[in-house]
Amino acid sequence: MPYCRTQFKLVKPEQVENVLTSLTQECFVGGQAAYQLDDGSFSVDAGENDIRAIYDEENAAITFFCRYQRDMNFYDKKLMAFATKHCIDTKPCTASSEY
């Protein structure tokens, strides 16, 4: 799964679930809440399993990865629009290319 180019930065651990749930509710049809999966990643796309989030506590950042390379631009646009609307700082993702 390739990483999206957009990363939310400076997100406190206690804010992660609220930020991701807001993203789920605002950006995905039928989205009610983000939830953490067994592997530590978060489901954010109302069960479609096309994009997930990972919280990096050491860097206080949320990184996103998507199932298909062809969808990266679509999801990056959604992530940037959401971040802009909610005044969330972003930075380009520097994670390795695959999850």
PDB file of N, CA and C in Angstrom:
ATOM      1  N   MET A   1       0.851  -1.175   0.000  1.00  0.00           N
ATOM      2  CA  MET A   1       0.000   0.000   0.000  1.00  0.00           C
ATOM      3  C   MET A   1       0.899   1.240   0.000  1.00  0.00           C
ATOM      4  N   PRO A   2       0.758   2.111  -0.978  1.00  0.00           N
ATOM      5  CA  PRO A   2       1.602   3.307  -1.048  1.00  0.00           C
ATOM      6  C   PRO A   2       1.154   4.386  -0.060  1.00  0.00           C
ATOM      7  N   TYR A   3       2.123   5.105   0.447  1.00  0.00           N
ATOM      8  CA  TYR A   3       1.825   6.216   1.350  1.00  0.00           C
ATOM      9  C   TYR A   3       1.341   7.418   0.565  1.00  0.00           C
ATOM     10  N   CYS A   4       0.364   8.123   1.125  1.00  0.00           N
ATOM     11  CA  CYS A   4      -0.078   9.382   0.553  1.00  0.00           C
ATOM     12  C   CYS A   4       1.019  10.416   0.780  1.00  0.00           C
ATOM     13  N   ARG A   5       0.986  11.473   0.007  1.00  0.00           N
ATOM     14  CA  ARG A   5       2.002  12.520   0.151  1.00  0.00           C
ATOM     15  C   ARG A   5       1.732  13.446   1.337  1.00  0.00           C
ATOM     16  N   THR A   6       0.502  13.478   1.808  1.00  0.00           N
ATOM     17  CA  THR A   6       0.096  14.398   2.874  1.00  0.00           C
ATOM     18  C   THR A   6       0.193  13.735   4.237  1.00  0.00           C
ATOM     19  N   GLN A   7       0.799  14.437   5.166  1.00  0.00           N
ATOM     20  CA  GLN A   7       0.920  13.963   6.545  1.00  0.00           C
ATOM     21  C   GLN A   7       0.448  15.086   7.461  1.00  0.00           C
ATOM     22  N   PHE A   8      -0.400  14.753   8.429  1.00  0.00           N
ATOM     23  CA  PHE A   8      -0.823  15.736   9.425  1.00  0.00           C
ATOM     24  C   PHE A   8       0.244  15.757  10.508  1.00  0.00           C
ATOM     25  N   LYS A   9       0.720  16.947  10.860  1.00  0.00           N
ATOM     26  CA  LYS A   9       1.767  17.019  11.874  1.00  0.00           C
ATOM     27  C   LYS A   9       1.270  17.752  13.120  1.00  0.00           C
ATOM     28  N   LEU A  10       1.999  17.540  14.189  1.00  0.00           N
ATOM     29  CA  LEU A  10       1.730  18.166  15.485  1.00  0.00           C
ATOM     30  C   LEU A  10       0.345  17.819  16.027  1.00  0.00           C
ATOM     31  N   VAL A  11      -0.005  16.554  15.936  1.00  0.00           N
ATOM     32  CA  VAL A  11      -1.268  16.064  16.471  1.00  0.00           C
ATOM     33  C   VAL A  11      -0.969  15.331  17.778  1.00  0.00           C
ATOM     34  N   LYS A  12      -1.537  15.809  18.863  1.00  0.00           N
ATOM     35  CA  LYS A  12      -1.312  15.183  20.173  1.00  0.00           C
ATOM     36  C   LYS A  12      -2.014  13.826  20.231  1.00  0.00           C
ATOM     37  N   PRO A  13      -1.450  12.886  20.992  1.00  0.00           N
ATOM     38  CA  PRO A  13      -2.053  11.547  21.073  1.00  0.00           C
ATOM     39  C   PRO A  13      -3.532  11.560  21.440  1.00  0.00           C
ATOM     40  N   GLU A  14      -3.921  12.448  22.341  1.00  0.00           N
ATOM     41  CA  GLU A  14      -5.320  12.492  22.770  1.00  0.00           C
ATOM     42  C   GLU A  14      -6.246  13.096  21.707  1.00  0.00           C
ATOM     43  N   GLN A  15      -5.687  13.678  20.644  1.00  0.00           N
ATOM     44  CA  GLN A  15      -6.482  14.268  19.567  1.00  0.00           C
ATOM     45  C   GLN A  15      -6.672  13.336  18.376  1.00  0.00           C
ATOM     46  N   VAL A  16      -5.874  12.289  18.290  1.00  0.00           N
ATOM     47  CA  VAL A  16      -5.847  11.440  17.094  1.00  0.00           C
ATOM     48  C   VAL A  16      -7.218  10.892  16.728  1.00  0.00           C
ATOM     49  N   GLU A  17      -7.877  10.253  17.650  1.00  0.00           N
ATOM     50  CA  GLU A  17      -9.158   9.630  17.342  1.00  0.00           C
ATOM     51  C   GLU A  17     -10.207  10.668  16.934  1.00  0.00           C
ATOM     52  N   ASN A  18     -10.219  11.826  17.596  1.00  0.00           N
ATOM     53  CA  ASN A  18     -11.177  12.879  17.240  1.00  0.00           C
ATOM     54  C   ASN A  18     -10.905  13.441  15.852  1.00  0.00           C
ATOM     55  N   VAL A  19      -9.633  13.685  15.525  1.00  0.00           N
ATOM     56  CA  VAL A  19      -9.272  14.200  14.205  1.00  0.00           C
ATOM     57  C   VAL A  19      -9.676  13.198  13.127  1.00  0.00           C
ATOM     58  N   LEU A  20      -9.343  11.934  13.346  1.00  0.00           N
ATOM     59  CA  LEU A  20      -9.648  10.915  12.346  1.00  0.00           C
ATOM     60  C   LEU A  20     -11.144  10.656  12.222  1.00  0.00           C
ATOM     61  N   THR A  21     -11.876  10.731  13.320  1.00  0.00           N
ATOM     62  CA  THR A  21     -13.327  10.564  13.252  1.00  0.00           C
ATOM     63  C   THR A  21     -13.957  11.730  12.492  1.00  0.00           C
ATOM     64  N   SER A  22     -13.488  12.934  12.717  1.00  0.00           N
ATOM     65  CA  SER A  22     -13.991  14.082  11.951  1.00  0.00           C
ATOM     66  C   SER A  22     -13.708  13.905  10.470  1.00  0.00           C
ATOM     67  N   LEU A  23     -12.513  13.435  10.142  1.00  0.00           N
ATOM     68  CA  LEU A  23     -12.166  13.154   8.749  1.00  0.00           C
ATOM     69  C   LEU A  23     -13.135  12.124   8.159  1.00  0.00           C
ATOM     70  N   THR A  24     -13.383  11.074   8.889  1.00  0.00           N
ATOM     71  CA  THR A  24     -14.292  10.011   8.437  1.00  0.00           C
ATOM     72  C   THR A  24     -15.689  10.558   8.181  1.00  0.00           C
ATOM     73  N   GLN A  25     -16.195  11.340   9.117  1.00  0.00           N
ATOM     74  CA  GLN A  25     -17.558  11.855   9.005  1.00  0.00           C
ATOM     75  C   GLN A  25     -17.702  12.870   7.875  1.00  0.00           C
ATOM     76  N   GLU A  26     -16.691  13.687   7.671  1.00  0.00           N
ATOM     77  CA  GLU A  26     -16.788  14.755   6.673  1.00  0.00           C
ATOM     78  C   GLU A  26     -16.401  14.341   5.261  1.00  0.00           C
ATOM     79  N   CYS A  27     -15.563  13.334   5.136  1.00  0.00           N
ATOM     80  CA  CYS A  27     -14.989  13.031   3.826  1.00  0.00           C
ATOM     81  C   CYS A  27     -15.416  11.709   3.211  1.00  0.00           C
ATOM     82  N   PHE A  28     -16.135  10.879   3.960  1.00  0.00           N
ATOM     83  CA  PHE A  28     -16.503   9.566   3.437  1.00  0.00           C
ATOM     84  C   PHE A  28     -17.989   9.306   3.662  1.00  0.00           C
ATOM     85  N   VAL A  29     -18.685   8.976   2.592  1.00  0.00           N
ATOM     86  CA  VAL A  29     -20.119   8.730   2.649  1.00  0.00           C
ATOM     87  C   VAL A  29     -20.395   7.591   3.635  1.00  0.00           C
ATOM     88  N   GLY A  30     -21.272   7.846   4.569  1.00  0.00           N
ATOM     89  CA  GLY A  30     -21.641   6.837   5.558  1.00  0.00           C
ATOM     90  C   GLY A  30     -20.655   6.707   6.702  1.00  0.00           C
ATOM     91  N   GLY A  31     -19.611   7.544   6.710  1.00  0.00           N
ATOM     92  CA  GLY A  31     -18.603   7.472   7.766  1.00  0.00           C
ATOM     93  C   GLY A  31     -19.148   7.945   9.097  1.00  0.00           C
ATOM     94  N   GLN A  32     -18.982   7.129  10.125  1.00  0.00           N
ATOM     95  CA  GLN A  32     -19.461   7.487  11.456  1.00  0.00           C
ATOM     96  C   GLN A  32     -18.326   7.719  12.432  1.00  0.00           C
ATOM     97  N   ALA A  33     -17.305   6.855  12.390  1.00  0.00           N
ATOM     98  CA  ALA A  33     -16.194   6.993  13.319  1.00  0.00           C
ATOM     99  C   ALA A  33     -14.971   6.253  12.796  1.00  0.00           C
ATOM    100  N   ALA A  34     -13.810   6.791  13.086  1.00  0.00           N
ATOM    101  CA  ALA A  34     -12.560   6.086  12.813  1.00  0.00           C
ATOM    102  C   ALA A  34     -12.345   5.110  13.967  1.00  0.00           C
ATOM    103  N   TYR A  35     -11.710   4.000  13.664  1.00  0.00           N
ATOM    104  CA  TYR A  35     -11.419   3.055  14.737  1.00  0.00           C
ATOM    105  C   TYR A  35     -10.086   2.367  14.461  1.00  0.00           C
ATOM    106  N   GLN A  36      -9.442   1.993  15.556  1.00  0.00           N
ATOM    107  CA  GLN A  36      -8.123   1.388  15.457  1.00  0.00           C
ATOM    108  C   GLN A  36      -8.247  -0.108  15.165  1.00  0.00           C
ATOM    109  N   LEU A  37      -7.439  -0.572  14.234  1.00  0.00           N
ATOM    110  CA  LEU A  37      -7.416  -1.977  13.840  1.00  0.00           C
ATOM    111  C   LEU A  37      -6.352  -2.727  14.645  1.00  0.00           C
ATOM    112  N   ASP A  38      -6.372  -4.038  14.545  1.00  0.00           N
ATOM    113  CA  ASP A  38      -5.433  -4.871  15.299  1.00  0.00           C
ATOM    114  C   ASP A  38      -3.972  -4.563  14.995  1.00  0.00           C
ATOM    115  N   ASP A  39      -3.676  -4.106  13.779  1.00  0.00           N
ATOM    116  CA  ASP A  39      -2.285  -3.820  13.421  1.00  0.00           C
ATOM    117  C   ASP A  39      -1.838  -2.426  13.861  1.00  0.00           C
ATOM    118  N   GLY A  40      -2.728  -1.676  14.531  1.00  0.00           N
ATOM    119  CA  GLY A  40      -2.388  -0.344  15.024  1.00  0.00           C
ATOM    120  C   GLY A  40      -2.790   0.778  14.089  1.00  0.00           C
ATOM    121  N   SER A  41      -3.115   0.458  12.847  1.00  0.00           N
ATOM    122  CA  SER A  41      -3.566   1.495  11.922  1.00  0.00           C
ATOM    123  C   SER A  41      -5.036   1.810  12.218  1.00  0.00           C
ATOM    124  N   PHE A  42      -5.528   2.884  11.602  1.00  0.00           N
ATOM    125  CA  PHE A  42      -6.909   3.304  11.805  1.00  0.00           C
ATOM    126  C   PHE A  42      -7.686   3.196  10.510  1.00  0.00           C
ATOM    127  N   SER A  43      -8.881   2.649  10.584  1.00  0.00           N
ATOM    128  CA  SER A  43      -9.808   2.652   9.462  1.00  0.00           C
ATOM    129  C   SER A  43     -10.508   4.005   9.471  1.00  0.00           C
ATOM    130  N   VAL A  44     -10.458   4.695   8.333  1.00  0.00           N
ATOM    131  CA  VAL A  44     -11.033   6.044   8.268  1.00  0.00           C
ATOM    132  C   VAL A  44     -12.028   6.231   7.130  1.00  0.00           C
ATOM    133  N   ASP A  45     -12.227   5.203   6.304  1.00  0.00           N
ATOM    134  CA  ASP A  45     -13.027   5.421   5.104  1.00  0.00           C
ATOM    135  C   ASP A  45     -14.336   4.636   5.090  1.00  0.00           C
ATOM    136  N   ALA A  46     -14.974   4.562   6.226  1.00  0.00           N
ATOM    137  CA  ALA A  46     -16.300   3.933   6.348  1.00  0.00           C
ATOM    138  C   ALA A  46     -16.308   2.496   5.855  1.00  0.00           C
ATOM    139  N   GLY A  47     -15.225   1.775   6.134  1.00  0.00           N
ATOM    140  CA  GLY A  47     -15.170   0.357   5.828  1.00  0.00           C
ATOM    141  C   GLY A  47     -14.760  -0.005   4.421  1.00  0.00           C
ATOM    142  N   GLU A  48     -14.430   0.962   3.596  1.00  0.00           N
ATOM    143  CA  GLU A  48     -14.026   0.666   2.219  1.00  0.00           C
ATOM    144  C   GLU A  48     -12.628   0.046   2.143  1.00  0.00           C
ATOM    145  N   ASN A  49     -11.799   0.296   3.139  1.00  0.00           N
ATOM    146  CA  ASN A  49     -10.446  -0.251   3.211  1.00  0.00           C
ATOM    147  C   ASN A  49      -9.558   0.227   2.061  1.00  0.00           C
ATOM    148  N   ASP A  50      -9.800   1.448   1.572  1.00  0.00           N
ATOM    149  CA  ASP A  50      -8.977   2.010   0.511  1.00  0.00           C
ATOM    150  C   ASP A  50      -7.936   2.988   1.038  1.00  0.00           C
ATOM    151  N   ILE A  51      -8.136   3.497   2.241  1.00  0.00           N
ATOM    152  CA  ILE A  51      -7.164   4.392   2.864  1.00  0.00           C
ATOM    153  C   ILE A  51      -7.162   4.114   4.359  1.00  0.00           C
ATOM    154  N   ARG A  52      -5.989   4.160   4.945  1.00  0.00           N
ATOM    155  CA  ARG A  52      -5.844   3.984   6.390  1.00  0.00           C
ATOM    156  C   ARG A  52      -4.906   5.039   6.936  1.00  0.00           C
ATOM    157  N   ALA A  53      -4.924   5.192   8.238  1.00  0.00           N
ATOM    158  CA  ALA A  53      -4.060   6.161   8.904  1.00  0.00           C
ATOM    159  C   ALA A  53      -3.201   5.445   9.943  1.00  0.00           C
ATOM    160  N   ILE A  54      -2.005   5.966  10.140  1.00  0.00           N
ATOM    161  CA  ILE A  54      -1.098   5.460  11.175  1.00  0.00           C
ATOM    162  C   ILE A  54      -0.638   6.653  11.992  1.00  0.00           C
ATOM    163  N   TYR A  55      -0.698   6.527  13.311  1.00  0.00           N
ATOM    164  CA  TYR A  55      -0.217   7.606  14.174  1.00  0.00           C
ATOM    165  C   TYR A  55       1.198   7.297  14.619  1.00  0.00           C
ATOM    166  N   ASP A  56       2.071   8.245  14.400  1.00  0.00           N
ATOM    167  CA  ASP A  56       3.473   8.156  14.827  1.00  0.00           C
ATOM    168  C   ASP A  56       3.612   9.044  16.059  1.00  0.00           C
ATOM    169  N   GLU A  57       3.548   8.424  17.231  1.00  0.00           N
ATOM    170  CA  GLU A  57       3.569   9.190  18.480  1.00  0.00           C
ATOM    171  C   GLU A  57       4.883   9.936  18.674  1.00  0.00           C
ATOM    172  N   GLU A  58       5.981   9.339  18.265  1.00  0.00           N
ATOM    173  CA  GLU A  58       7.301   9.970  18.431  1.00  0.00           C
ATOM    174  C   GLU A  58       7.390  11.303  17.697  1.00  0.00           C
ATOM    175  N   ASN A  59       6.770  11.376  16.518  1.00  0.00           N
ATOM    176  CA  ASN A  59       6.806  12.600  15.718  1.00  0.00           C
ATOM    177  C   ASN A  59       5.495  13.374  15.754  1.00  0.00           C
ATOM    178  N   ALA A  60       4.525  12.889  16.523  1.00  0.00           N
ATOM    179  CA  ALA A  60       3.202  13.516  16.644  1.00  0.00           C
ATOM    180  C   ALA A  60       2.603  13.788  15.264  1.00  0.00           C
ATOM    181  N   ALA A  61       2.610  12.749  14.428  1.00  0.00           N
ATOM    182  CA  ALA A  61       2.145  12.906  13.057  1.00  0.00           C
ATOM    183  C   ALA A  61       1.229  11.754  12.665  1.00  0.00           C
ATOM    184  N   ILE A  62       0.279  12.059  11.790  1.00  0.00           N
ATOM    185  CA  ILE A  62      -0.603  11.042  11.228  1.00  0.00           C
ATOM    186  C   ILE A  62      -0.233  10.886   9.757  1.00  0.00           C
ATOM    187  N   THR A  63       0.120   9.678   9.394  1.00  0.00           N
ATOM    188  CA  THR A  63       0.477   9.344   8.021  1.00  0.00           C
ATOM    189  C   THR A  63      -0.648   8.499   7.430  1.00  0.00           C
ATOM    190  N   PHE A  64      -0.886   8.665   6.155  1.00  0.00           N
ATOM    191  CA  PHE A  64      -1.960   7.940   5.483  1.00  0.00           C
ATOM    192  C   PHE A  64      -1.387   7.088   4.357  1.00  0.00           C
ATOM    193  N   PHE A  65      -1.992   5.947   4.138  1.00  0.00           N
ATOM    194  CA  PHE A  65      -1.614   5.131   2.993  1.00  0.00           C
ATOM    195  C   PHE A  65      -2.873   4.602   2.337  1.00  0.00           C
ATOM    196  N   CYS A  66      -2.791   4.408   1.036  1.00  0.00           N
ATOM    197  CA  CYS A  66      -3.962   3.952   0.306  1.00  0.00           C
ATOM    198  C   CYS A  66      -3.672   2.633  -0.396  1.00  0.00           C
ATOM    199  N   ARG A  67      -4.733   1.967  -0.731  1.00  0.00           N
ATOM    200  CA  ARG A  67      -4.628   0.642  -1.340  1.00  0.00           C
ATOM    201  C   ARG A  67      -4.014   0.714  -2.735  1.00  0.00           C
ATOM    202  N   TYR A  68      -4.432   1.694  -3.517  1.00  0.00           N
ATOM    203  CA  TYR A  68      -4.006   1.763  -4.913  1.00  0.00           C
ATOM    204  C   TYR A  68      -3.232   3.043  -5.200  1.00  0.00           C
ATOM    205  N   GLN A  69      -2.133   2.904  -5.891  1.00  0.00           N
ATOM    206  CA  GLN A  69      -1.307   4.041  -6.308  1.00  0.00           C
ATOM    207  C   GLN A  69      -2.143   5.055  -7.090  1.00  0.00           C
ATOM    208  N   ARG A  70      -3.034   4.561  -7.927  1.00  0.00           N
ATOM    209  CA  ARG A  70      -3.831   5.453  -8.779  1.00  0.00           C
ATOM    210  C   ARG A  70      -4.752   6.378  -7.978  1.00  0.00           C
ATOM    211  N   ASP A  71      -5.034   6.049  -6.719  1.00  0.00           N
ATOM    212  CA  ASP A  71      -5.930   6.857  -5.883  1.00  0.00           C
ATOM    213  C   ASP A  71      -5.210   7.894  -5.030  1.00  0.00           C
ATOM    214  N   MET A  72      -3.895   7.922  -5.070  1.00  0.00           N
ATOM    215  CA  MET A  72      -3.139   8.814  -4.181  1.00  0.00           C
ATOM    216  C   MET A  72      -3.525  10.280  -4.345  1.00  0.00           C
ATOM    217  N   ASN A  73      -3.601  10.777  -5.567  1.00  0.00           N
ATOM    218  CA  ASN A  73      -3.942  12.194  -5.768  1.00  0.00           C
ATOM    219  C   ASN A  73      -5.334  12.509  -5.236  1.00  0.00           C
ATOM    220  N   PHE A  74      -6.283  11.617  -5.456  1.00  0.00           N
ATOM    221  CA  PHE A  74      -7.643  11.790  -4.957  1.00  0.00           C
ATOM    222  C   PHE A  74      -7.647  11.948  -3.433  1.00  0.00           C
ATOM    223  N   TYR A  75      -6.952  11.052  -2.745  1.00  0.00           N
ATOM    224  CA  TYR A  75      -6.926  11.109  -1.283  1.00  0.00           C
ATOM    225  C   TYR A  75      -6.090  12.269  -0.768  1.00  0.00           C
ATOM    226  N   ASP A  76      -5.001  12.597  -1.441  1.00  0.00           N
ATOM    227  CA  ASP A  76      -4.208  13.751  -1.018  1.00  0.00           C
ATOM    228  C   ASP A  76      -5.031  15.033  -1.076  1.00  0.00           C
ATOM    229  N   LYS A  77      -5.861  15.170  -2.107  1.00  0.00           N
ATOM    230  CA  LYS A  77      -6.726  16.356  -2.207  1.00  0.00           C
ATOM    231  C   LYS A  77      -7.720  16.400  -1.051  1.00  0.00           C
ATOM    232  N   LYS A  78      -8.312  15.257  -0.713  1.00  0.00           N
ATOM    233  CA  LYS A  78      -9.245  15.198   0.420  1.00  0.00           C
ATOM    234  C   LYS A  78      -8.537  15.560   1.724  1.00  0.00           C
ATOM    235  N   LEU A  79      -7.358  14.997   1.922  1.00  0.00           N
ATOM    236  CA  LEU A  79      -6.609  15.245   3.156  1.00  0.00           C
ATOM    237  C   LEU A  79      -6.219  16.714   3.284  1.00  0.00           C
ATOM    238  N   MET A  80      -5.752  17.305   2.194  1.00  0.00           N
ATOM    239  CA  MET A  80      -5.358  18.712   2.236  1.00  0.00           C
ATOM    240  C   MET A  80      -6.564  19.625   2.470  1.00  0.00           C
ATOM    241  N   ALA A  81      -7.683  19.339   1.844  1.00  0.00           N
ATOM    242  CA  ALA A  81      -8.886  20.156   2.046  1.00  0.00           C
ATOM    243  C   ALA A  81      -9.344  20.071   3.499  1.00  0.00           C
ATOM    244  N   PHE A  82      -9.333  18.872   4.060  1.00  0.00           N
ATOM    245  CA  PHE A  82      -9.726  18.692   5.456  1.00  0.00           C
ATOM    246  C   PHE A  82      -8.757  19.426   6.381  1.00  0.00           C
ATOM    247  N   ALA A  83      -7.469  19.278   6.145  1.00  0.00           N
ATOM    248  CA  ALA A  83      -6.463  19.929   6.990  1.00  0.00           C
ATOM    249  C   ALA A  83      -6.597  21.447   6.928  1.00  0.00           C
ATOM    250  N   THR A  84      -6.819  21.966   5.760  1.00  0.00           N
ATOM    251  CA  THR A  84      -6.987  23.419   5.600  1.00  0.00           C
ATOM    252  C   THR A  84      -8.210  23.898   6.363  1.00  0.00           C
ATOM    253  N   LYS A  85      -9.316  23.196   6.205  1.00  0.00           N
ATOM    254  CA  LYS A  85     -10.561  23.568   6.877  1.00  0.00           C
ATOM    255  C   LYS A  85     -10.406  23.575   8.394  1.00  0.00           C
ATOM    256  N   HIS A  86      -9.631  22.641   8.935  1.00  0.00           N
ATOM    257  CA  HIS A  86      -9.493  22.488  10.382  1.00  0.00           C
ATOM    258  C   HIS A  86      -8.171  23.028  10.932  1.00  0.00           C
ATOM    259  N   CYS A  87      -7.441  23.774  10.116  1.00  0.00           N
ATOM    260  CA  CYS A  87      -6.175  24.392  10.531  1.00  0.00           C
ATOM    261  C   CYS A  87      -5.182  23.363  11.096  1.00  0.00           C
ATOM    262  N   ILE A  88      -5.078  22.242  10.418  1.00  0.00           N
ATOM    263  CA  ILE A  88      -4.124  21.205  10.806  1.00  0.00           C
ATOM    264  C   ILE A  88      -2.871  21.398   9.969  1.00  0.00           C
ATOM    265  N   ASP A  89      -1.733  21.483  10.628  1.00  0.00           N
ATOM    266  CA  ASP A  89      -0.470  21.614   9.915  1.00  0.00           C
ATOM    267  C   ASP A  89      -0.199  20.336   9.132  1.00  0.00           C
ATOM    268  N   THR A  90       0.365  20.503   7.952  1.00  0.00           N
ATOM    269  CA  THR A  90       0.715  19.346   7.133  1.00  0.00           C
ATOM    270  C   THR A  90       2.172  19.453   6.717  1.00  0.00           C
ATOM    271  N   LYS A  91       2.689  18.343   6.289  1.00  0.00           N
ATOM    272  CA  LYS A  91       4.018  18.313   5.685  1.00  0.00           C
ATOM    273  C   LYS A  91       4.043  17.144   4.721  1.00  0.00           C
ATOM    274  N   PRO A  92       4.952  17.185   3.757  1.00  0.00           N
ATOM    275  CA  PRO A  92       5.056  16.046   2.841  1.00  0.00           C
ATOM    276  C   PRO A  92       5.502  14.797   3.605  1.00  0.00           C
ATOM    277  N   CYS A  93       4.917  13.700   3.268  1.00  0.00           N
ATOM    278  CA  CYS A  93       5.261  12.436   3.919  1.00  0.00           C
ATOM    279  C   CYS A  93       6.629  11.980   3.433  1.00  0.00           C
ATOM    280  N   THR A  94       7.456  11.552   4.368  1.00  0.00           N
ATOM    281  CA  THR A  94       8.786  11.048   4.021  1.00  0.00           C
ATOM    282  C   THR A  94       8.917   9.569   4.345  1.00  0.00           C
ATOM    283  N   ALA A  95       7.804   8.915   4.630  1.00  0.00           N
ATOM    284  CA  ALA A  95       7.830   7.477   4.944  1.00  0.00           C
ATOM    285  C   ALA A  95       8.195   6.696   3.703  1.00  0.00           C
ATOM    286  N   SER A  96       8.621   5.465   3.911  1.00  0.00           N
ATOM    287  CA  SER A  96       8.927   4.620   2.774  1.00  0.00           C
ATOM    288  C   SER A  96       7.688   4.455   1.905  1.00  0.00           C
ATOM    289  N   SER A  97       7.858   4.069   0.683  1.00  0.00           N
ATOM    290  CA  SER A  97       6.779   4.096  -0.292  1.00  0.00           C
ATOM    291  C   SER A  97       5.700   3.042  -0.069  1.00  0.00           C
ATOM    292  N   GLU A  98       5.937   2.036   0.720  1.00  0.00           N
ATOM    293  CA  GLU A  98       4.940   0.980   0.922  1.00  0.00           C
ATOM    294  C   GLU A  98       4.758   0.682   2.404  1.00  0.00           C
ATOM    295  N   TYR A  99       3.540   0.341   2.799  1.00  0.00           N
ATOM    296  CA  TYR A  99       3.224  -0.054   4.177  1.00  0.00           C
ATOM    297  C   TYR A  99       3.327  -1.538   4.293  1.00  0.00           C
TER     298      TYR A  99
END
